[in-house]
Amino acid sequence: MTHHLERHHGQRFTSLMDGLLPDRRVRCDLLNEVPLADEEWAG
């Protein structure tokens, strides 16, 4: 929804996200640790 107010991931976007989701940075870090795919899934 933040992209409706700010299109790009600049300072304004970051400020809006921090206001709406204070633990956003922790969540992003956790998501970035997850692999995009498991090689065993490839068939």
PDB file of N, CA and C in Angstrom:
ATOM      1  N   MET A   1       0.816  -1.196   0.000  1.00  0.00           N
ATOM      2  CA  MET A   1       0.000   0.000   0.000  1.00  0.00           C
ATOM      3  C   MET A   1       0.864   1.266   0.000  1.00  0.00           C
ATOM      4  N   THR A   2       2.047   1.154   0.561  1.00  0.00           N
ATOM      5  CA  THR A   2       2.921   2.332   0.611  1.00  0.00           C
ATOM      6  C   THR A   2       3.260   2.826  -0.787  1.00  0.00           C
ATOM      7  N   HIS A   3       3.320   1.917  -1.741  1.00  0.00           N
ATOM      8  CA  HIS A   3       3.626   2.323  -3.119  1.00  0.00           C
ATOM      9  C   HIS A   3       2.527   3.194  -3.726  1.00  0.00           C
ATOM     10  N   HIS A   4       1.364   3.229  -3.155  1.00  0.00           N
ATOM     11  CA  HIS A   4       0.323   4.147  -3.624  1.00  0.00           C
ATOM     12  C   HIS A   4       0.668   5.587  -3.237  1.00  0.00           C
ATOM     13  N   LEU A   5       1.463   5.726  -2.180  1.00  0.00           N
ATOM     14  CA  LEU A   5       1.871   7.053  -1.724  1.00  0.00           C
ATOM     15  C   LEU A   5       3.249   7.455  -2.252  1.00  0.00           C
ATOM     16  N   GLU A   6       4.111   6.476  -2.421  1.00  0.00           N
ATOM     17  CA  GLU A   6       5.478   6.739  -2.884  1.00  0.00           C
ATOM     18  C   GLU A   6       5.921   5.604  -3.797  1.00  0.00           C
ATOM     19  N   ARG A   7       6.241   5.940  -5.033  1.00  0.00           N
ATOM     20  CA  ARG A   7       6.539   4.925  -6.038  1.00  0.00           C
ATOM     21  C   ARG A   7       7.894   4.255  -5.836  1.00  0.00           C
ATOM     22  N   HIS A   8       8.897   5.033  -5.469  1.00  0.00           N
ATOM     23  CA  HIS A   8      10.262   4.512  -5.394  1.00  0.00           C
ATOM     24  C   HIS A   8      10.670   4.226  -3.951  1.00  0.00           C
ATOM     25  N   HIS A   9      11.731   3.460  -3.790  1.00  0.00           N
ATOM     26  CA  HIS A   9      12.199   3.065  -2.465  1.00  0.00           C
ATOM     27  C   HIS A   9      13.194   4.071  -1.898  1.00  0.00           C
ATOM     28  N   GLY A  10      12.849   5.320  -1.924  1.00  0.00           N
ATOM     29  CA  GLY A  10      13.713   6.378  -1.410  1.00  0.00           C
ATOM     30  C   GLY A  10      13.452   6.663   0.061  1.00  0.00           C
ATOM     31  N   GLN A  11      13.937   7.820   0.497  1.00  0.00           N
ATOM     32  CA  GLN A  11      13.811   8.225   1.903  1.00  0.00           C
ATOM     33  C   GLN A  11      12.353   8.320   2.352  1.00  0.00           C
ATOM     34  N   ARG A  12      11.491   8.882   1.516  1.00  0.00           N
ATOM     35  CA  ARG A  12      10.076   9.019   1.900  1.00  0.00           C
ATOM     36  C   ARG A  12       9.427   7.645   2.058  1.00  0.00           C
ATOM     37  N   PHE A  13       9.699   6.739   1.137  1.00  0.00           N
ATOM     38  CA  PHE A  13       9.158   5.380   1.209  1.00  0.00           C
ATOM     39  C   PHE A  13       9.605   4.705   2.511  1.00  0.00           C
ATOM     40  N   THR A  14      10.908   4.806   2.796  1.00  0.00           N
ATOM     41  CA  THR A  14      11.463   4.188   3.999  1.00  0.00           C
ATOM     42  C   THR A  14      10.820   4.771   5.259  1.00  0.00           C
ATOM     43  N   SER A  15      10.639   6.080   5.287  1.00  0.00           N
ATOM     44  CA  SER A  15      10.007   6.717   6.444  1.00  0.00           C
ATOM     45  C   SER A  15       8.561   6.263   6.615  1.00  0.00           C
ATOM     46  N   LEU A  16       7.842   6.177   5.518  1.00  0.00           N
ATOM     47  CA  LEU A  16       6.453   5.701   5.580  1.00  0.00           C
ATOM     48  C   LEU A  16       6.396   4.263   6.090  1.00  0.00           C
ATOM     49  N   MET A  17       7.272   3.408   5.567  1.00  0.00           N
ATOM     50  CA  MET A  17       7.284   2.012   5.994  1.00  0.00           C
ATOM     51  C   MET A  17       7.651   1.881   7.470  1.00  0.00           C
ATOM     52  N   ASP A  18       8.619   2.664   7.925  1.00  0.00           N
ATOM     53  CA  ASP A  18       9.002   2.612   9.336  1.00  0.00           C
ATOM     54  C   ASP A  18       7.845   3.046  10.237  1.00  0.00           C
ATOM     55  N   GLY A  19       7.049   3.988   9.766  1.00  0.00           N
ATOM     56  CA  GLY A  19       5.900   4.430  10.547  1.00  0.00           C
ATOM     57  C   GLY A  19       4.781   3.409  10.581  1.00  0.00           C
ATOM     58  N   LEU A  20       4.586   2.709   9.464  1.00  0.00           N
ATOM     59  CA  LEU A  20       3.503   1.730   9.369  1.00  0.00           C
ATOM     60  C   LEU A  20       3.883   0.364   9.937  1.00  0.00           C
ATOM     61  N   LEU A  21       5.154   0.021   9.837  1.00  0.00           N
ATOM     62  CA  LEU A  21       5.623  -1.295  10.280  1.00  0.00           C
ATOM     63  C   LEU A  21       6.968  -1.107  10.988  1.00  0.00           C
ATOM     64  N   PRO A  22       6.928  -0.747  12.271  1.00  0.00           N
ATOM     65  CA  PRO A  22       8.158  -0.399  12.991  1.00  0.00           C
ATOM     66  C   PRO A  22       9.239  -1.482  12.971  1.00  0.00           C
ATOM     67  N   ASP A  23       8.866  -2.756  12.915  1.00  0.00           N
ATOM     68  CA  ASP A  23       9.870  -3.825  12.897  1.00  0.00           C
ATOM     69  C   ASP A  23      10.178  -4.298  11.471  1.00  0.00           C
ATOM     70  N   ARG A  24       9.929  -3.441  10.509  1.00  0.00           N
ATOM     71  CA  ARG A  24      10.141  -3.765   9.102  1.00  0.00           C
ATOM     72  C   ARG A  24      11.562  -4.238   8.813  1.00  0.00           C
ATOM     73  N   ARG A  25      12.533  -3.592   9.403  1.00  0.00           N
ATOM     74  CA  ARG A  25      13.930  -3.942   9.123  1.00  0.00           C
ATOM     75  C   ARG A  25      14.257  -5.356   9.614  1.00  0.00           C
ATOM     76  N   VAL A  26      13.743  -5.731  10.754  1.00  0.00           N
ATOM     77  CA  VAL A  26      13.957  -7.084  11.280  1.00  0.00           C
ATOM     78  C   VAL A  26      13.302  -8.101  10.351  1.00  0.00           C
ATOM     79  N   ARG A  27      12.072  -7.814   9.928  1.00  0.00           N
ATOM     80  CA  ARG A  27      11.361  -8.719   9.017  1.00  0.00           C
ATOM     81  C   ARG A  27      12.099  -8.863   7.695  1.00  0.00           C
ATOM     82  N   CYS A  28      12.596  -7.760   7.157  1.00  0.00           N
ATOM     83  CA  CYS A  28      13.345  -7.813   5.891  1.00  0.00           C
ATOM     84  C   CYS A  28      14.602  -8.654   6.036  1.00  0.00           C
ATOM     85  N   ASP A  29      15.306  -8.472   7.148  1.00  0.00           N
ATOM     86  CA  ASP A  29      16.510  -9.268   7.382  1.00  0.00           C
ATOM     87  C   ASP A  29      16.183 -10.756   7.447  1.00  0.00           C
ATOM     88  N   LEU A  30      15.092 -11.108   8.124  1.00  0.00           N
ATOM     89  CA  LEU A  30      14.694 -12.513   8.208  1.00  0.00           C
ATOM     90  C   LEU A  30      14.328 -13.072   6.829  1.00  0.00           C
ATOM     91  N   LEU A  31      13.594 -12.305   6.049  1.00  0.00           N
ATOM     92  CA  LEU A  31      13.220 -12.751   4.708  1.00  0.00           C
ATOM     93  C   LEU A  31      14.440 -12.902   3.805  1.00  0.00           C
ATOM     94  N   ASN A  32      15.412 -12.028   3.955  1.00  0.00           N
ATOM     95  CA  ASN A  32      16.611 -12.094   3.127  1.00  0.00           C
ATOM     96  C   ASN A  32      17.483 -13.299   3.455  1.00  0.00           C
ATOM     97  N   GLU A  33      17.301 -13.887   4.628  1.00  0.00           N
ATOM     98  CA  GLU A  33      18.054 -15.087   5.013  1.00  0.00           C
ATOM     99  C   GLU A  33      17.457 -16.361   4.430  1.00  0.00           C
ATOM    100  N   VAL A  34      16.204 -16.322   4.005  1.00  0.00           N
ATOM    101  CA  VAL A  34      15.514 -17.499   3.488  1.00  0.00           C
ATOM    102  C   VAL A  34      15.947 -17.742   2.038  1.00  0.00           C
ATOM    103  N   PRO A  35      16.291 -18.977   1.703  1.00  0.00           N
ATOM    104  CA  PRO A  35      16.660 -19.255   0.307  1.00  0.00           C
ATOM    105  C   PRO A  35      15.465 -19.058  -0.621  1.00  0.00           C
ATOM    106  N   LEU A  36      15.745 -18.657  -1.852  1.00  0.00           N
ATOM    107  CA  LEU A  36      14.675 -18.440  -2.829  1.00  0.00           C
ATOM    108  C   LEU A  36      14.074 -19.765  -3.293  1.00  0.00           C
ATOM    109  N   ALA A  37      14.855 -20.817  -3.267  1.00  0.00           N
ATOM    110  CA  ALA A  37      14.368 -22.116  -3.699  1.00  0.00           C
ATOM    111  C   ALA A  37      15.200 -23.207  -3.027  1.00  0.00           C
ATOM    112  N   ASP A  38      14.636 -24.355  -2.914  1.00  0.00           N
ATOM    113  CA  ASP A  38      15.341 -25.518  -2.396  1.00  0.00           C
ATOM    114  C   ASP A  38      15.674 -26.395  -3.582  1.00  0.00           C
ATOM    115  N   GLU A  39      16.923 -26.725  -3.751  1.00  0.00           N
ATOM    116  CA  GLU A  39      17.325 -27.494  -4.928  1.00  0.00           C
ATOM    117  C   GLU A  39      16.639 -28.848  -4.995  1.00  0.00           C
ATOM    118  N   GLU A  40      16.217 -29.384  -3.850  1.00  0.00           N
ATOM    119  CA  GLU A  40      15.520 -30.661  -3.855  1.00  0.00           C
ATOM    120  C   GLU A  40      14.132 -30.546  -4.472  1.00  0.00           C
ATOM    121  N   TRP A  41      13.572 -29.315  -4.553  1.00  0.00           N
ATOM    122  CA  TRP A  41      12.255 -29.130  -5.122  1.00  0.00           C
ATOM    123  C   TRP A  41      12.283 -29.252  -6.638  1.00  0.00           C
ATOM    124  N   ALA A  42      13.432 -28.950  -7.225  1.00  0.00           N
ATOM    125  CA  ALA A  42      13.531 -28.996  -8.687  1.00  0.00           C
ATOM    126  C   ALA A  42      13.303 -30.421  -9.152  1.00  0.00           C
ATOM    127  N   GLY A  43      12.522 -30.569 -10.164  1.00  0.00           N
ATOM    128  CA  GLY A  43      12.204 -31.927 -10.593  1.00  0.00           C
ATOM    129  C   GLY A  43      12.509 -32.109 -11.971  1.00  0.00           C
TER     130      GLY A  43
END
